[in-house]
N, C-alpha and C. Protein backbone atom coordinates (compact mmCIF):
# COMPACT_ATOMS: atom_id res chain seq x y z
N MET A 1 -4.87 1.73 -11.19
CA MET A 1 -4.00 0.95 -10.33
C MET A 1 -4.80 0.48 -9.12
N ASN A 2 -4.62 -0.76 -8.72
CA ASN A 2 -5.33 -1.29 -7.57
C ASN A 2 -5.00 -0.50 -6.31
N ARG A 3 -5.97 -0.42 -5.42
CA ARG A 3 -5.76 0.24 -4.15
C ARG A 3 -4.99 -0.68 -3.22
N ILE A 4 -4.07 -0.10 -2.46
CA ILE A 4 -3.20 -0.87 -1.58
C ILE A 4 -3.70 -0.74 -0.15
N VAL A 5 -3.93 -1.88 0.50
CA VAL A 5 -4.42 -1.91 1.87
C VAL A 5 -3.41 -2.65 2.74
N LEU A 6 -3.06 -2.03 3.87
CA LEU A 6 -2.19 -2.65 4.86
C LEU A 6 -3.06 -3.25 5.97
N ILE A 7 -2.94 -4.56 6.20
CA ILE A 7 -3.65 -5.23 7.28
C ILE A 7 -2.67 -5.42 8.43
N ILE A 8 -3.02 -4.88 9.61
CA ILE A 8 -2.19 -5.05 10.80
C ILE A 8 -3.00 -5.82 11.83
N ASP A 9 -2.70 -7.09 11.99
CA ASP A 9 -3.45 -7.95 12.91
C ASP A 9 -2.56 -9.12 13.29
N ASP A 10 -2.41 -9.37 14.60
CA ASP A 10 -1.52 -10.46 15.02
C ASP A 10 -2.19 -11.82 15.00
N ASP A 11 -3.48 -11.87 14.64
CA ASP A 11 -4.17 -13.14 14.42
C ASP A 11 -3.84 -13.59 13.00
N MET A 12 -2.89 -14.50 12.88
CA MET A 12 -2.39 -14.88 11.57
C MET A 12 -3.48 -15.45 10.67
N ALA A 13 -4.37 -16.26 11.24
CA ALA A 13 -5.43 -16.88 10.44
C ALA A 13 -6.37 -15.81 9.90
N LEU A 14 -6.79 -14.87 10.74
CA LEU A 14 -7.69 -13.81 10.30
C LEU A 14 -7.00 -12.90 9.29
N ASN A 15 -5.75 -12.57 9.56
CA ASN A 15 -4.99 -11.71 8.65
C ASN A 15 -4.96 -12.32 7.25
N LYS A 16 -4.65 -13.60 7.17
CA LYS A 16 -4.55 -14.28 5.87
C LYS A 16 -5.92 -14.40 5.21
N THR A 17 -6.96 -14.64 6.01
CA THR A 17 -8.32 -14.73 5.45
C THR A 17 -8.75 -13.40 4.85
N LEU A 18 -8.51 -12.32 5.59
CA LEU A 18 -8.85 -10.99 5.08
C LEU A 18 -8.06 -10.67 3.80
N ALA A 19 -6.78 -11.00 3.83
CA ALA A 19 -5.93 -10.73 2.65
C ALA A 19 -6.46 -11.45 1.42
N ARG A 20 -6.82 -12.71 1.60
CA ARG A 20 -7.33 -13.50 0.49
C ARG A 20 -8.64 -12.92 -0.04
N GLY A 21 -9.54 -12.55 0.85
CA GLY A 21 -10.82 -12.02 0.43
C GLY A 21 -10.70 -10.66 -0.25
N LEU A 22 -9.83 -9.81 0.27
CA LEU A 22 -9.68 -8.47 -0.32
C LEU A 22 -8.95 -8.53 -1.66
N ARG A 23 -7.99 -9.45 -1.79
CA ARG A 23 -7.32 -9.61 -3.09
C ARG A 23 -8.34 -10.06 -4.15
N ALA A 24 -9.26 -10.93 -3.75
CA ALA A 24 -10.28 -11.40 -4.69
C ALA A 24 -11.19 -10.27 -5.14
N ASP A 25 -11.26 -9.21 -4.33
CA ASP A 25 -12.10 -8.06 -4.68
C ASP A 25 -11.30 -6.97 -5.39
N GLY A 26 -10.02 -7.22 -5.68
CA GLY A 26 -9.25 -6.27 -6.47
C GLY A 26 -8.30 -5.39 -5.71
N PHE A 27 -8.16 -5.60 -4.39
CA PHE A 27 -7.21 -4.81 -3.62
C PHE A 27 -5.83 -5.47 -3.66
N ASP A 28 -4.78 -4.66 -3.57
CA ASP A 28 -3.44 -5.17 -3.34
C ASP A 28 -3.19 -5.13 -1.83
N ILE A 29 -2.67 -6.20 -1.27
CA ILE A 29 -2.59 -6.34 0.18
C ILE A 29 -1.14 -6.45 0.65
N VAL A 30 -0.85 -5.73 1.72
CA VAL A 30 0.40 -5.88 2.46
C VAL A 30 0.00 -6.26 3.89
N SER A 31 0.59 -7.31 4.43
CA SER A 31 0.22 -7.78 5.77
C SER A 31 1.33 -7.54 6.78
N ALA A 32 0.92 -7.13 7.97
CA ALA A 32 1.82 -7.01 9.12
C ALA A 32 1.16 -7.74 10.29
N PHE A 33 1.98 -8.34 11.14
CA PHE A 33 1.44 -9.13 12.24
C PHE A 33 1.72 -8.50 13.60
N SER A 34 2.11 -7.23 13.58
CA SER A 34 2.26 -6.46 14.81
C SER A 34 2.22 -4.98 14.44
N ALA A 35 1.94 -4.13 15.42
CA ALA A 35 1.94 -2.69 15.17
C ALA A 35 3.34 -2.22 14.79
N GLU A 36 4.35 -2.81 15.42
CA GLU A 36 5.72 -2.42 15.13
C GLU A 36 6.08 -2.74 13.68
N GLU A 37 5.67 -3.91 13.20
CA GLU A 37 5.94 -4.29 11.81
C GLU A 37 5.17 -3.37 10.87
N GLY A 38 3.93 -3.03 11.21
CA GLY A 38 3.15 -2.11 10.38
C GLY A 38 3.80 -0.75 10.27
N ALA A 39 4.32 -0.24 11.39
CA ALA A 39 4.99 1.06 11.37
C ALA A 39 6.22 1.03 10.48
N GLU A 40 6.97 -0.07 10.51
CA GLU A 40 8.16 -0.18 9.66
C GLU A 40 7.78 -0.21 8.19
N ILE A 41 6.71 -0.92 7.85
CA ILE A 41 6.26 -0.98 6.46
C ILE A 41 5.89 0.41 5.95
N LEU A 42 5.25 1.20 6.81
CA LEU A 42 4.80 2.53 6.39
C LEU A 42 5.95 3.50 6.18
N THR A 43 7.15 3.15 6.63
CA THR A 43 8.31 4.00 6.32
C THR A 43 8.80 3.76 4.90
N ARG A 44 8.34 2.66 4.28
CA ARG A 44 8.83 2.28 2.96
C ARG A 44 7.81 2.46 1.85
N ILE A 45 6.53 2.28 2.15
CA ILE A 45 5.52 2.38 1.10
C ILE A 45 4.33 3.20 1.57
N ARG A 46 3.62 3.74 0.61
CA ARG A 46 2.39 4.44 0.89
C ARG A 46 1.23 3.50 0.57
N VAL A 47 0.24 3.49 1.45
CA VAL A 47 -0.93 2.65 1.23
C VAL A 47 -2.17 3.53 1.18
N ASP A 48 -3.26 2.98 0.64
CA ASP A 48 -4.50 3.73 0.51
C ASP A 48 -5.39 3.62 1.74
N ALA A 49 -5.21 2.56 2.52
CA ALA A 49 -6.00 2.39 3.74
C ALA A 49 -5.31 1.36 4.63
N ILE A 50 -5.65 1.42 5.92
CA ILE A 50 -5.12 0.47 6.89
C ILE A 50 -6.28 -0.20 7.62
N ILE A 51 -6.22 -1.53 7.72
CA ILE A 51 -7.15 -2.28 8.58
C ILE A 51 -6.35 -2.65 9.82
N LEU A 52 -6.80 -2.17 10.97
CA LEU A 52 -5.99 -2.22 12.18
C LEU A 52 -6.73 -2.91 13.32
N ASP A 53 -6.14 -3.99 13.84
CA ASP A 53 -6.72 -4.65 15.01
C ASP A 53 -6.39 -3.83 16.25
N ARG A 54 -7.34 -3.74 17.16
CA ARG A 54 -7.10 -2.91 18.35
C ARG A 54 -6.24 -3.62 19.38
N MET A 55 -6.54 -4.88 19.67
CA MET A 55 -5.83 -5.61 20.72
C MET A 55 -4.78 -6.53 20.10
N MET A 56 -3.51 -6.19 20.31
CA MET A 56 -2.42 -7.00 19.77
C MET A 56 -1.32 -7.13 20.81
N ARG A 57 -0.49 -8.15 20.65
CA ARG A 57 0.70 -8.26 21.50
C ARG A 57 1.65 -7.13 21.14
N GLY A 58 2.42 -6.67 22.13
CA GLY A 58 3.28 -5.53 21.89
C GLY A 58 2.46 -4.26 21.92
N MET A 59 2.75 -3.33 21.02
CA MET A 59 1.97 -2.10 20.96
C MET A 59 0.55 -2.40 20.51
N ASP A 60 -0.44 -1.85 21.21
CA ASP A 60 -1.83 -2.08 20.83
C ASP A 60 -2.21 -1.15 19.67
N GLY A 61 -3.32 -1.50 19.02
CA GLY A 61 -3.73 -0.75 17.83
C GLY A 61 -4.06 0.70 18.10
N LEU A 62 -4.66 1.00 19.24
CA LEU A 62 -5.01 2.38 19.54
C LEU A 62 -3.77 3.25 19.73
N SER A 63 -2.76 2.71 20.41
CA SER A 63 -1.51 3.46 20.58
C SER A 63 -0.82 3.68 19.24
N PHE A 64 -0.82 2.63 18.40
CA PHE A 64 -0.25 2.75 17.06
C PHE A 64 -0.95 3.87 16.29
N LEU A 65 -2.28 3.89 16.34
CA LEU A 65 -3.05 4.87 15.59
C LEU A 65 -2.77 6.28 16.10
N GLN A 66 -2.71 6.44 17.41
CA GLN A 66 -2.43 7.76 17.97
C GLN A 66 -1.05 8.25 17.55
N ASN A 67 -0.07 7.36 17.53
CA ASN A 67 1.27 7.73 17.07
C ASN A 67 1.27 8.10 15.60
N LEU A 68 0.49 7.33 14.80
CA LEU A 68 0.40 7.58 13.37
C LEU A 68 -0.13 8.98 13.11
N ARG A 69 -1.22 9.33 13.79
CA ARG A 69 -1.82 10.64 13.59
C ARG A 69 -0.92 11.76 14.13
N ALA A 70 -0.26 11.50 15.25
CA ALA A 70 0.64 12.51 15.81
C ALA A 70 1.79 12.83 14.85
N GLY A 71 2.16 11.82 14.05
CA GLY A 71 3.22 12.03 13.07
C GLY A 71 2.75 12.64 11.77
N GLY A 72 1.46 12.96 11.68
CA GLY A 72 0.93 13.63 10.50
C GLY A 72 0.43 12.72 9.41
N ASN A 73 0.42 11.40 9.65
CA ASN A 73 -0.06 10.45 8.64
C ASN A 73 -1.59 10.43 8.66
N THR A 74 -2.20 10.73 7.51
CA THR A 74 -3.66 10.81 7.42
C THR A 74 -4.28 9.63 6.68
N THR A 75 -3.53 8.55 6.48
CA THR A 75 -4.07 7.37 5.79
C THR A 75 -5.36 6.91 6.46
N PRO A 76 -6.43 6.66 5.70
CA PRO A 76 -7.68 6.18 6.30
C PRO A 76 -7.48 4.86 7.02
N VAL A 77 -8.11 4.74 8.20
CA VAL A 77 -7.95 3.55 9.04
C VAL A 77 -9.31 3.01 9.46
N ILE A 78 -9.49 1.70 9.27
CA ILE A 78 -10.62 0.99 9.87
C ILE A 78 -10.08 0.17 11.03
N MET A 79 -10.60 0.41 12.23
CA MET A 79 -10.15 -0.34 13.39
C MET A 79 -11.07 -1.52 13.63
N LEU A 80 -10.47 -2.68 13.82
CA LEU A 80 -11.22 -3.90 14.14
C LEU A 80 -11.09 -4.21 15.62
N THR A 81 -12.15 -4.69 16.23
CA THR A 81 -12.06 -5.03 17.64
C THR A 81 -13.11 -6.04 18.05
N ALA A 82 -12.76 -6.83 19.07
CA ALA A 82 -13.74 -7.72 19.69
C ALA A 82 -14.35 -7.05 20.90
N MET A 83 -13.88 -5.84 21.20
CA MET A 83 -14.37 -5.09 22.36
C MET A 83 -15.69 -4.40 21.99
N THR A 84 -16.72 -4.63 22.75
CA THR A 84 -18.02 -4.06 22.46
C THR A 84 -18.27 -2.83 23.33
N GLY A 85 -19.32 -2.11 23.01
CA GLY A 85 -19.68 -0.94 23.81
C GLY A 85 -19.34 0.35 23.10
N ALA A 86 -20.23 1.32 23.28
CA ALA A 86 -20.05 2.61 22.61
C ALA A 86 -18.77 3.30 23.03
N GLU A 87 -18.36 3.11 24.30
CA GLU A 87 -17.17 3.81 24.78
C GLU A 87 -15.92 3.36 24.02
N ASN A 88 -15.89 2.09 23.60
CA ASN A 88 -14.73 1.60 22.85
C ASN A 88 -14.72 2.17 21.44
N ALA A 89 -15.88 2.26 20.82
CA ALA A 89 -15.97 2.88 19.49
C ALA A 89 -15.56 4.34 19.57
N ILE A 90 -16.01 5.03 20.60
CA ILE A 90 -15.67 6.45 20.76
C ILE A 90 -14.16 6.61 20.94
N ALA A 91 -13.55 5.71 21.74
CA ALA A 91 -12.10 5.77 21.94
C ALA A 91 -11.35 5.59 20.63
N GLY A 92 -11.81 4.63 19.81
CA GLY A 92 -11.15 4.38 18.53
C GLY A 92 -11.30 5.55 17.58
N LEU A 93 -12.49 6.08 17.48
CA LEU A 93 -12.74 7.21 16.58
C LEU A 93 -12.03 8.47 17.08
N SER A 94 -12.02 8.66 18.39
CA SER A 94 -11.31 9.82 18.95
C SER A 94 -9.81 9.70 18.75
N GLY A 95 -9.32 8.44 18.69
CA GLY A 95 -7.90 8.22 18.49
C GLY A 95 -7.45 8.43 17.06
N GLY A 96 -8.41 8.60 16.14
CA GLY A 96 -8.04 8.89 14.75
C GLY A 96 -8.55 7.91 13.73
N ALA A 97 -9.34 6.90 14.16
CA ALA A 97 -9.88 5.94 13.19
C ALA A 97 -10.96 6.61 12.34
N ASN A 98 -11.02 6.23 11.07
CA ASN A 98 -12.08 6.72 10.19
C ASN A 98 -13.34 5.88 10.32
N ASP A 99 -13.18 4.64 10.76
CA ASP A 99 -14.32 3.75 10.95
C ASP A 99 -13.93 2.70 11.99
N TYR A 100 -14.93 2.04 12.55
CA TYR A 100 -14.71 1.12 13.67
C TYR A 100 -15.65 -0.06 13.46
N LEU A 101 -15.09 -1.26 13.34
CA LEU A 101 -15.89 -2.43 13.00
C LEU A 101 -15.69 -3.51 14.04
N ALA A 102 -16.81 -3.94 14.66
CA ALA A 102 -16.73 -4.95 15.72
C ALA A 102 -16.70 -6.36 15.13
N LYS A 103 -15.91 -7.23 15.73
CA LYS A 103 -15.87 -8.64 15.35
C LYS A 103 -17.02 -9.37 16.05
N PRO A 104 -17.60 -10.39 15.42
CA PRO A 104 -17.36 -10.85 14.03
C PRO A 104 -18.06 -9.94 13.04
N PHE A 105 -17.59 -9.96 11.79
CA PHE A 105 -18.18 -9.11 10.76
C PHE A 105 -18.14 -9.85 9.44
N GLN A 106 -18.91 -9.38 8.48
CA GLN A 106 -18.94 -9.95 7.14
C GLN A 106 -17.89 -9.26 6.27
N LEU A 107 -17.18 -10.04 5.46
CA LEU A 107 -16.18 -9.47 4.57
C LEU A 107 -16.79 -8.40 3.68
N ARG A 108 -18.01 -8.62 3.21
CA ARG A 108 -18.65 -7.66 2.32
C ARG A 108 -18.82 -6.31 3.00
N GLU A 109 -19.13 -6.35 4.29
CA GLU A 109 -19.28 -5.10 5.03
C GLU A 109 -17.95 -4.36 5.12
N LEU A 110 -16.88 -5.12 5.37
CA LEU A 110 -15.56 -4.50 5.44
C LEU A 110 -15.19 -3.86 4.10
N ILE A 111 -15.49 -4.54 3.00
CA ILE A 111 -15.18 -3.99 1.68
C ILE A 111 -15.96 -2.72 1.42
N LEU A 112 -17.22 -2.70 1.78
CA LEU A 112 -18.04 -1.50 1.60
C LEU A 112 -17.48 -0.35 2.42
N ARG A 113 -17.06 -0.64 3.63
CA ARG A 113 -16.50 0.43 4.47
C ARG A 113 -15.17 0.93 3.91
N LEU A 114 -14.35 0.01 3.38
CA LEU A 114 -13.10 0.44 2.73
C LEU A 114 -13.39 1.37 1.56
N ASN A 115 -14.35 0.98 0.73
CA ASN A 115 -14.69 1.81 -0.43
C ASN A 115 -15.19 3.19 -0.01
N ASN A 116 -15.81 3.25 1.17
CA ASN A 116 -16.33 4.53 1.65
C ASN A 116 -15.23 5.46 2.15
N ILE A 117 -14.16 4.89 2.73
CA ILE A 117 -13.13 5.76 3.31
C ILE A 117 -11.98 6.06 2.36
N ILE A 118 -11.85 5.27 1.30
CA ILE A 118 -10.78 5.54 0.33
C ILE A 118 -11.32 6.49 -0.73
N LYS A 119 -10.75 7.66 -0.79
CA LYS A 119 -11.18 8.64 -1.79
C LYS A 119 -10.48 8.36 -3.11
N PRO A 120 -11.15 8.60 -4.23
CA PRO A 120 -10.52 8.34 -5.53
C PRO A 120 -9.19 9.05 -5.69
N THR A 121 -9.07 10.27 -5.18
CA THR A 121 -7.83 11.01 -5.34
C THR A 121 -6.69 10.40 -4.56
N GLU A 122 -7.03 9.62 -3.51
CA GLU A 122 -5.98 9.02 -2.70
C GLU A 122 -5.39 7.79 -3.36
N SER A 123 -6.13 7.18 -4.29
CA SER A 123 -5.62 5.97 -4.93
C SER A 123 -5.12 6.22 -6.34
N ALA A 124 -5.14 7.48 -6.77
CA ALA A 124 -4.67 7.83 -8.11
C ALA A 124 -3.22 8.28 -8.02
N HIS A 125 -2.27 7.39 -8.23
CA HIS A 125 -0.87 7.71 -8.10
C HIS A 125 -0.33 8.21 -9.45
N LYS A 126 0.35 9.33 -9.40
CA LYS A 126 0.88 9.92 -10.63
C LYS A 126 2.09 9.13 -11.10
N LEU A 127 2.07 8.75 -12.37
CA LEU A 127 3.17 7.99 -12.96
C LEU A 127 4.07 8.93 -13.76
N PRO A 128 5.33 8.55 -13.94
CA PRO A 128 6.23 9.37 -14.77
C PRO A 128 5.71 9.48 -16.20
N ALA A 129 6.10 10.55 -16.87
CA ALA A 129 5.69 10.77 -18.26
C ALA A 129 6.10 9.58 -19.11
N GLY A 130 5.18 9.14 -19.97
CA GLY A 130 5.45 8.03 -20.87
C GLY A 130 5.06 6.68 -20.32
N LEU A 131 4.59 6.64 -19.06
CA LEU A 131 4.20 5.37 -18.43
C LEU A 131 2.76 5.49 -17.93
N THR A 132 1.91 4.55 -18.33
CA THR A 132 0.53 4.55 -17.86
C THR A 132 0.18 3.15 -17.35
N PHE A 133 -0.90 3.08 -16.57
CA PHE A 133 -1.34 1.81 -15.99
C PHE A 133 -2.85 1.70 -16.18
N ALA A 134 -3.29 0.63 -16.83
CA ALA A 134 -4.72 0.41 -17.06
C ALA A 134 -4.98 -1.08 -17.22
N ASN A 135 -6.14 -1.50 -16.73
CA ASN A 135 -6.53 -2.91 -16.84
C ASN A 135 -5.45 -3.85 -16.32
N ASN A 136 -4.82 -3.41 -15.21
CA ASN A 136 -3.79 -4.21 -14.55
C ASN A 136 -2.55 -4.45 -15.42
N GLU A 137 -2.29 -3.55 -16.36
CA GLU A 137 -1.10 -3.65 -17.21
C GLU A 137 -0.46 -2.27 -17.32
N PHE A 138 0.87 -2.26 -17.49
CA PHE A 138 1.59 -1.01 -17.77
C PHE A 138 1.72 -0.84 -19.28
N PHE A 139 1.70 0.43 -19.70
CA PHE A 139 1.89 0.78 -21.11
C PHE A 139 2.91 1.91 -21.19
N THR A 140 3.65 1.94 -22.30
CA THR A 140 4.60 3.02 -22.51
C THR A 140 4.22 3.78 -23.77
N GLY A 141 4.68 5.03 -23.86
CA GLY A 141 4.36 5.85 -25.02
C GLY A 141 3.32 6.90 -24.69
N GLU A 142 3.08 7.76 -25.63
CA GLU A 142 2.12 8.84 -25.46
C GLU A 142 0.70 8.33 -25.69
N PRO A 143 -0.30 9.00 -25.10
CA PRO A 143 -1.69 8.61 -25.35
C PRO A 143 -2.00 8.53 -26.84
N GLY A 144 -2.65 7.48 -27.25
CA GLY A 144 -2.96 7.28 -28.66
C GLY A 144 -1.90 6.47 -29.37
N ASN A 145 -0.74 6.32 -28.73
CA ASN A 145 0.33 5.53 -29.34
C ASN A 145 1.01 4.67 -28.27
N ALA A 146 0.20 4.22 -27.28
CA ALA A 146 0.74 3.46 -26.17
C ALA A 146 0.97 2.00 -26.58
N LYS A 147 2.03 1.42 -26.03
CA LYS A 147 2.35 0.02 -26.29
C LYS A 147 2.42 -0.74 -24.97
N LEU A 148 1.97 -1.98 -24.99
CA LEU A 148 2.01 -2.81 -23.80
C LEU A 148 3.47 -2.99 -23.35
N PHE A 149 3.70 -2.74 -22.07
CA PHE A 149 5.03 -2.92 -21.49
C PHE A 149 5.07 -4.33 -20.90
N VAL A 150 5.70 -5.24 -21.60
CA VAL A 150 5.67 -6.65 -21.23
C VAL A 150 6.59 -6.90 -20.04
N LEU A 151 5.99 -7.39 -18.94
CA LEU A 151 6.73 -7.64 -17.71
C LEU A 151 6.35 -9.01 -17.15
N SER A 152 7.27 -9.60 -16.41
CA SER A 152 6.92 -10.81 -15.67
C SER A 152 6.05 -10.40 -14.47
N GLY A 153 5.45 -11.37 -13.82
CA GLY A 153 4.62 -11.07 -12.65
C GLY A 153 5.42 -10.38 -11.56
N GLU A 154 6.65 -10.85 -11.31
CA GLU A 154 7.49 -10.24 -10.27
C GLU A 154 7.89 -8.82 -10.65
N GLU A 155 8.19 -8.60 -11.93
CA GLU A 155 8.59 -7.27 -12.39
C GLU A 155 7.42 -6.29 -12.29
N LYS A 156 6.22 -6.75 -12.67
CA LYS A 156 5.05 -5.88 -12.60
C LYS A 156 4.75 -5.49 -11.15
N LYS A 157 4.81 -6.47 -10.25
CA LYS A 157 4.55 -6.20 -8.84
C LYS A 157 5.54 -5.18 -8.30
N LEU A 158 6.80 -5.32 -8.68
CA LEU A 158 7.82 -4.37 -8.22
C LEU A 158 7.55 -2.98 -8.77
N LEU A 159 7.20 -2.88 -10.05
CA LEU A 159 6.95 -1.57 -10.64
C LEU A 159 5.72 -0.91 -10.01
N ILE A 160 4.70 -1.70 -9.70
CA ILE A 160 3.53 -1.16 -9.01
C ILE A 160 3.94 -0.56 -7.67
N ASN A 161 4.74 -1.29 -6.91
CA ASN A 161 5.16 -0.80 -5.60
C ASN A 161 6.08 0.42 -5.71
N LEU A 162 6.91 0.43 -6.74
CA LEU A 162 7.83 1.55 -6.92
C LEU A 162 7.11 2.84 -7.34
N THR A 163 5.95 2.70 -7.93
CA THR A 163 5.24 3.88 -8.46
C THR A 163 3.97 4.22 -7.67
N ALA A 164 3.81 3.64 -6.49
CA ALA A 164 2.59 3.88 -5.72
C ALA A 164 2.89 4.47 -4.34
N PRO A 165 3.41 5.71 -4.28
CA PRO A 165 3.74 6.60 -5.39
C PRO A 165 5.22 6.49 -5.76
N VAL A 166 5.62 7.23 -6.81
CA VAL A 166 7.03 7.33 -7.16
C VAL A 166 7.77 7.91 -5.95
N GLY A 167 8.87 7.27 -5.59
CA GLY A 167 9.61 7.69 -4.40
C GLY A 167 9.63 6.63 -3.33
N ASN A 168 8.73 5.65 -3.42
CA ASN A 168 8.76 4.53 -2.48
C ASN A 168 10.10 3.81 -2.56
N VAL A 169 10.61 3.40 -1.41
CA VAL A 169 11.77 2.52 -1.37
C VAL A 169 11.24 1.11 -1.12
N VAL A 170 11.54 0.19 -2.05
CA VAL A 170 10.91 -1.13 -2.03
C VAL A 170 11.98 -2.21 -2.02
N PRO A 171 11.93 -3.15 -1.07
CA PRO A 171 12.87 -4.28 -1.11
C PRO A 171 12.49 -5.21 -2.26
N ALA A 172 13.49 -5.81 -2.88
CA ALA A 172 13.22 -6.71 -4.01
C ALA A 172 14.45 -7.57 -4.25
N ALA A 173 14.23 -8.69 -4.92
CA ALA A 173 15.35 -9.54 -5.33
C ALA A 173 16.20 -8.77 -6.34
N PRO A 174 17.52 -8.72 -6.16
CA PRO A 174 18.38 -7.95 -7.06
C PRO A 174 18.19 -8.27 -8.54
N MET A 175 18.01 -9.56 -8.87
CA MET A 175 17.85 -9.92 -10.28
C MET A 175 16.55 -9.37 -10.86
N VAL A 176 15.48 -9.35 -10.04
CA VAL A 176 14.21 -8.78 -10.52
C VAL A 176 14.38 -7.29 -10.78
N ALA A 177 15.00 -6.59 -9.83
CA ALA A 177 15.22 -5.16 -9.99
C ALA A 177 16.11 -4.86 -11.21
N LYS A 178 17.12 -5.70 -11.41
CA LYS A 178 18.03 -5.52 -12.54
C LYS A 178 17.30 -5.69 -13.86
N ARG A 179 16.45 -6.73 -13.96
CA ARG A 179 15.70 -6.96 -15.21
C ARG A 179 14.72 -5.82 -15.48
N LEU A 180 14.03 -5.36 -14.42
CA LEU A 180 13.08 -4.27 -14.60
C LEU A 180 13.79 -3.00 -15.03
N ARG A 181 14.92 -2.71 -14.43
CA ARG A 181 15.69 -1.51 -14.78
C ARG A 181 16.12 -1.56 -16.25
N ALA A 182 16.58 -2.73 -16.71
CA ALA A 182 17.00 -2.86 -18.11
C ALA A 182 15.82 -2.64 -19.05
N LYS A 183 14.67 -3.17 -18.71
CA LYS A 183 13.49 -2.99 -19.56
C LYS A 183 13.05 -1.53 -19.60
N LEU A 184 13.06 -0.87 -18.44
CA LEU A 184 12.69 0.54 -18.40
C LEU A 184 13.66 1.39 -19.21
N ASN A 185 14.95 1.14 -19.02
CA ASN A 185 15.97 1.90 -19.76
C ASN A 185 15.86 1.70 -21.26
N GLY A 186 15.30 0.54 -21.66
CA GLY A 186 15.18 0.26 -23.08
C GLY A 186 14.06 1.00 -23.77
N VAL A 187 13.09 1.51 -22.99
CA VAL A 187 11.94 2.17 -23.63
C VAL A 187 11.70 3.59 -23.14
N LEU A 188 12.25 3.96 -21.98
CA LEU A 188 12.03 5.30 -21.44
C LEU A 188 13.36 5.90 -20.99
N SER A 189 13.64 7.08 -21.45
CA SER A 189 14.92 7.73 -21.11
C SER A 189 14.80 8.65 -19.90
N ASN A 190 13.57 8.89 -19.43
CA ASN A 190 13.37 9.89 -18.37
C ASN A 190 13.31 9.31 -16.96
N ILE A 191 13.32 7.97 -16.83
CA ILE A 191 13.26 7.38 -15.49
C ILE A 191 14.32 6.30 -15.34
N ASP A 192 14.64 6.02 -14.07
CA ASP A 192 15.65 5.01 -13.78
C ASP A 192 15.32 4.39 -12.43
N ILE A 193 15.95 3.28 -12.12
CA ILE A 193 15.84 2.64 -10.82
C ILE A 193 17.20 2.69 -10.16
N ILE A 194 17.24 3.19 -8.93
CA ILE A 194 18.50 3.27 -8.20
C ILE A 194 18.42 2.40 -6.94
N THR A 195 19.58 2.05 -6.41
CA THR A 195 19.67 1.26 -5.19
C THR A 195 19.77 2.19 -3.99
N VAL A 196 18.95 1.94 -2.98
CA VAL A 196 19.06 2.65 -1.71
C VAL A 196 19.71 1.67 -0.74
N ARG A 197 20.94 1.92 -0.40
CA ARG A 197 21.75 0.96 0.34
C ARG A 197 21.06 0.49 1.62
N GLY A 198 20.98 -0.82 1.76
CA GLY A 198 20.42 -1.41 2.96
C GLY A 198 18.91 -1.40 3.03
N GLN A 199 18.23 -0.82 2.02
CA GLN A 199 16.77 -0.71 2.08
C GLN A 199 16.06 -1.33 0.88
N GLY A 200 16.59 -1.11 -0.30
CA GLY A 200 15.91 -1.65 -1.47
C GLY A 200 16.16 -0.79 -2.70
N TYR A 201 15.09 -0.55 -3.45
CA TYR A 201 15.20 0.16 -4.73
C TYR A 201 14.18 1.28 -4.80
N LYS A 202 14.49 2.26 -5.65
CA LYS A 202 13.64 3.45 -5.78
C LYS A 202 13.64 3.89 -7.24
N ILE A 203 12.48 4.26 -7.74
CA ILE A 203 12.40 4.76 -9.11
C ILE A 203 12.48 6.29 -9.06
N ILE A 204 13.23 6.87 -9.98
CA ILE A 204 13.40 8.32 -10.02
C ILE A 204 13.20 8.82 -11.44
N GLU A 205 12.76 10.05 -11.55
CA GLU A 205 12.75 10.74 -12.83
C GLU A 205 14.10 11.41 -12.97
N LYS A 206 14.76 11.23 -14.09
CA LYS A 206 16.16 11.59 -14.22
C LYS A 206 16.45 13.06 -14.00
N ASP A 207 15.47 13.92 -14.25
CA ASP A 207 15.75 15.34 -14.03
C ASP A 207 15.76 15.70 -12.56
N THR A 208 15.46 14.70 -11.67
CA THR A 208 15.53 14.94 -10.24
C THR A 208 16.85 14.49 -9.63
N ILE A 209 17.73 13.87 -10.45
CA ILE A 209 19.01 13.40 -9.94
C ILE A 209 19.90 14.58 -9.61
N LYS A 210 20.50 14.55 -8.46
CA LYS A 210 21.42 15.61 -8.05
C LYS A 210 22.86 15.10 -8.10
N ASN A 211 23.72 15.84 -8.73
CA ASN A 211 25.12 15.46 -8.81
C ASN A 211 25.85 15.83 -7.53
């Protein structure tokens, strides 16, 4: 499964450029344009790494990072900044950043640094029994007898978000969620998609349902 990176940067042009470049390298990207928006996203999904701008309108990146760590979130973070000087790097690293990259920088360098801070175990999300993901496709059935699970692009994206990891609450168009639920129910009896009122959808393993 592709690694999920959250970009938090209020520079819309840079945010979109980074997203485009990282998607081309195989990452799945979620973008936020403020620290507040990034914090809200992290209440709904788990990501493998965060690219965080230090200077933003509203809450600054360093304050966001300190709050993140104080709350026990250990997601790897690369902090971006136009601020030079060793004292700024020390402040970022002391605040909980795993790496600190000064602007301007090369996309290739950012990708290398991402690969260094994302551990394989952090991007390996456990899927429910009978469901596997390989070569950017989902398969159903037991190993050795797996069948391609045919999904539309929207359905696949939703299932990726719902299972990265299982338990994520993900907003989605009702019709997309309904189609995906019908397809899952048609091939797997152990999982289901439920509605979380006012928030979105969540995939569950049926033996975890409480009456």
